[in-house]
Every structure is written in structure tokens, then in C-alpha cells.
Amino acid sequence: MTLNTRTLLSVALGLGLVFLPAIGLRAQNAAAQAAQQAQPASSPTSNQDQEPDPLKRPRTDKEQRQAQKDLRQELKGGYRTWLNQDVVWIITDEEARTFKSLSNDEERDAFIEQFWLRRNPNPDSPENEFREEHYRRIAYANEHFAAGKPGWKTDRGHIYIAFGKPDSIESHPSGGAYQRPMDEGGGETSTFPFETWHYRYLEGIGDNIDLEFVDTCQCGDYHYTIDRGEKDALAKVPGAGLTQWEEMGMAKKADRFKGGSMENLGVGPGTSSQQSKEFDRIELAAKLFAPPPIKFTDLDNFISEHKVLSGPVFPFDVRTDFVKVTDSTVLVPVTVQLKNRDITFVTKDGVSKGVVNILIKVTTLTHKTVQSQEDTVSVEEPAELLEKAQDRKSVYWKALPLIPGLYRLDIAIKDVNNPDHMGIYGSSLDVPAFHDEKLATSSLILGDEMNLVSSRDIGEGNCVIGNTHICPRVSPNRATPVSFKRTQQLNFWMQVYNLGISDTTKSNEATVTYQITDTTNNTVIFEKQLESKDLGAHSDQLTVEKTLPMAGMQPGKYKVTIKVNDEISKQEIAQSAPFVVE
């Protein structure tokens, strides 16, 4: 069932899915009206001699730049300090742009209030725990990390303000003698002062994060580094601070600075396994110095300059996957997961029914709509079983065909039985291209149910990809693995594209290996290898799907990995997905 036009427009306007720059328009109209009132009265003239109505005349580029400059000049005093100092490490780029575009102090005060409220872990509390903790961290950073500049400006201050106190710190305040671990080359050297901060978990980043700060100027200004060799004070001293292999004559110290490596570590017994992780360090740095994710997005529509949600937020989880359809089209399944407990049920004639309107919108970076889907999800339960059904979840699934490129995905939901109960979601959507000659895979999907569908249902229906029905498990965020119970089955599904085909046999020649790893101790507890011919001998595309019982698995953290080694094209590829067994 689809939404009628009036309901759709109401939901879209109320949830911020109609992108009208309301605040900017008010500022522009007010300025135009003031300019019109300031003009002296003139004698009546013909229509040809009249000036264009300033309310209808578009601004020139020069006028637009001047207006933006004037607005920036207005942002001064406490507002400038708030933006450029108080929240500089936690405000998102979109929030900062919106704040700079506001036209008066009343709107700025309202924005600041909603900024803190969006991050408040307990919105009903008169005290904002997040804000209080944030300013406590700034005070701590200024007290402990100052180094010729305020502590909040330093790298350690930045990380502390954004993520809080590390779980442990390995500190070497004087540097000096240092026995390298084997993954840094082994051997003994002397270092500058440095610290290693360890976080057991950072939301949106991952588990067991180690951050290294080095004071190369020996002035107290520790800066974050991705090069573990930067702390080596003897790195440029010939014959000093050698690694284990350099001492044995198996490597030369000068080789550390060749090849354009991102880390100037000497070669040693454990360094080869670390070379492939250099790009992981760059990705980690990018995540660390980006604004931390907003945990509570109940008022996020204020960012888009729309009205604040008037009722309690309606939470939901979202997952997107990517499946190749043709060389120019990618199928993007969007999964929306709702908790039945969050839906308002109305009981009539012994049946309890909840109804949710869902609107999905995909736009380009220029705000052009390329996909818009609207649907209604109904959940019905016998009234006497409603309490038990509250613990279950309902899933809505829609597959959107898109060409490769960068988009924005917006989703809005509305509880029909409680109109003030709404929720919104917005995120970038980077649809990959599957090039002809490059070995590639779809997303690796984990689910607790998977089965083949009848021939008439192939490619159609809820959670159906090709001839397989599999509903993805959805986690609250990308950093949190999906969870399964030991009484359930683990199902995983993935497609492989662009396998090489032999000119002589006209068939593929690849091995497909899937394994389950206990990530607590990095132990492989299950592994099986298949020949690609067993999955489809003459195709350059294969589907890997497997069902495994979890009754014998102990509670803990695990990972599914599927590796493909193509003997013809000499390419390898792997996909992994973490999960938790409860």
C-alpha cells in the first residue's frame, strides 16, 4: 500500500525530506524587503521604466558572495568562539555550514540548544551529561596537554576531547633506550619522548585501537603519527639504532627510506606482515580526526533547516548492500529494521495492529532525486500475544537500481497510530563500479534465514536476490557486529564477478575458501575450500551461499571470511563480516 499525496507531503515536510533552505530564504526575503523600504518614493512611471521586484530578482554571484561575507562578519564574539573553539572537534561539516548560514542570534541560540540536545544520552534529563563531559574534557586538555598553545589545540587534546580518556597509556616522557617489538623490526634504539594510547573500543572506529604520539621537538608538543618509526631518534644516525636484521647484515639501514613507504621502519622478522596495514593506518587517522558520530539523531532535521521533531524519536536501523546487475547498473538493497516495541499498536476485535509509513529518497550531490519509494508496513498480532511480540523486530526491504556514483540516502518513518512519533536517517551512499577485468564481489550478507525461491518469484519479493531469499541481519551502526543466538543458524551469501574463463576449456578455474574465525584469539575454528567449477563451471559469476549451525559455538566474537583465488586472471579477493554469538 502506498501513501497518498497529502500524507506523503506532510511526512516529507515534517521530516526534512523536502530540501527547502527555509532559514536562508527568510534572511534573503528580509534583506530584500528592507532594501525596498529604504528606496525613496518616485513618481508613477510606465511599466517599462519600473525596477524589477527585488523579491523576485535572483542574486548575482557577486551579491551572493557579499551576503555570505556579511553573514560571516556577523558571526563574532561568543558565537565565533563556540564554533571555532568549544565544538571545533565534534561539530560536523554540515552542522558548521548550517550554523554559519543562520541570519540572527535567535536562530543561533536555538541551533546551539538543539546541537547539545541531539547528543544528550538522556533527553528527558534537565542536565545535559554530554555537554558537561565535553567541557570537562576541554578543561582537562588545557591543563595537561598545553605546549606553547592551549591544550585543546594539540593532537592529544583533540583525541581526548573527541573520545575521552584512553583505557591505558604507555608513556615514555624522557625517551631514551627502547627495545623495539618484532613488528617494528626488533633491535635496540633511542627514542624521542612518546606515548601510546590504547582504547578497547571506539564507536564508529573499532576494537583495540592504539594511537601513538611523538614529541620530536622535545618541547611537550606530542603529535599523532601513523609512522611508528618517527619516534626513533637515531633513525638518521649511520650505524646506530639498527634493527635485528640490520645487525645481522640481512638488511641495510638506508633501505628504510626507499620505496616511498608511509612508515620508515627498518626491516626485521615481523615487519613484512605490517606493510599491508599502512593504508589501514591512514584510514584510522581519517576516522579519528573526523567529527565523532552523533549518537542521538532525534533532532537531526534541524541541520537541514527544518522544524524540530515535536514528539519522541522513532529509532530504526538501516543497512545497505551492493549487488551487480549489469556493467552499468548496481542493485542496492536497503534494509530498514524496526523494533516492535517502538511501534504504537491499536487493538480492535482481538487483533493488535501497528502501521508505519516509510519514505526512501536517493538524491545526487546536486539534490536531484533519482529514486523515491514510499510504502506502508503493517504489523498484526493477536492481542493476547502482543507482549511477547514486542521483543521481535520487523524488517522492510527495498532493492533500488542505481548507476555507480556518490549519492545521499534519506529515510523517514512515521508511526501512523502516533503521528508525532517520527524518525529520520541520512547518509552518503557510494555505489561501486564493477569493472570488467577486475575480480570483484557483492556485499557479504549474513542472515538467520535463507532459502531458494520458486521460479516465479526469482528476483521479486521481500529480501529476494536472484533465486535466493535472505534477509540481512542489521546492526545499530557499522562498528557494531550483528548478533545471533546459538539456537539459530548462520547463513551467508555473496556473489563473485569477473572470474577468468579458460580459452581451451571454456570454464573457470578458481578456489573459493570460507572460514569462521574466533576474533578473540584469532583462531580459525572452521574452514572449507571449494572449486569454482562446483558452483558453476562456465560462468564468470558465482554465488557463494552456505548455512552453518551455531549450536557448537561458544558465546563470543567471530568473523566470516570468503576468499577467492582466480588461477586464470591471477587475482585474489576476500570479503569479511563480523558477528557475535550470544
Foldseek 3Di string as FASTA:
>chain_A
DFDDPVVVVVQCQQQQVPQDLVQLLVLQVVVLVVVVVPDDDDDDDDPVPDDPRSNPDDDDPVVVVVVLVVLQVVCDDPNVCCCVPQCVQADAPLLSVLLSSHDDPVLNVVSVVVVQCLQAPDNVDPDRPLSVVLVVLQVVQQVPQDFVHGSCPAQVSSLCSQFNAFPDKDWDLQWAWDADDQQLQGFIATFATKMWGWHQADPPQAGTDIWMWGDPVSRRRTHTALAPCPRGPCLPPPPGRDGPCVVVVNDHSVCLPPDPQRYSGDDHDNHVVCSVCSVVSVVNVVQSRHNGDRPGCQQVSVSSVHDGQPDDEQDKFKDWWWADDDQFKIKIKIKIKHQLLSADWDDDPQKTKWKKKKWKWKAAPVRHTDDIDIDMDMDMDGPVCSVVSRRDMDMDMDIDMDGFDKIKMKMKMATPVDRSHIYIDIDIDGHDGDDQQDKDKIAKFKAQDKDFADPVCAPHDTQHDGRMRGDGQTDRDPRDAGEDELQTKIKIKMKIANFDADPVPLWFWKKKKKFKAQVVVRHTPDMDIDTVVVQPTNDRMGMDMDIGRRNPPDWHKMKMKMKMQTPPSRDIDMHMGIYTYD
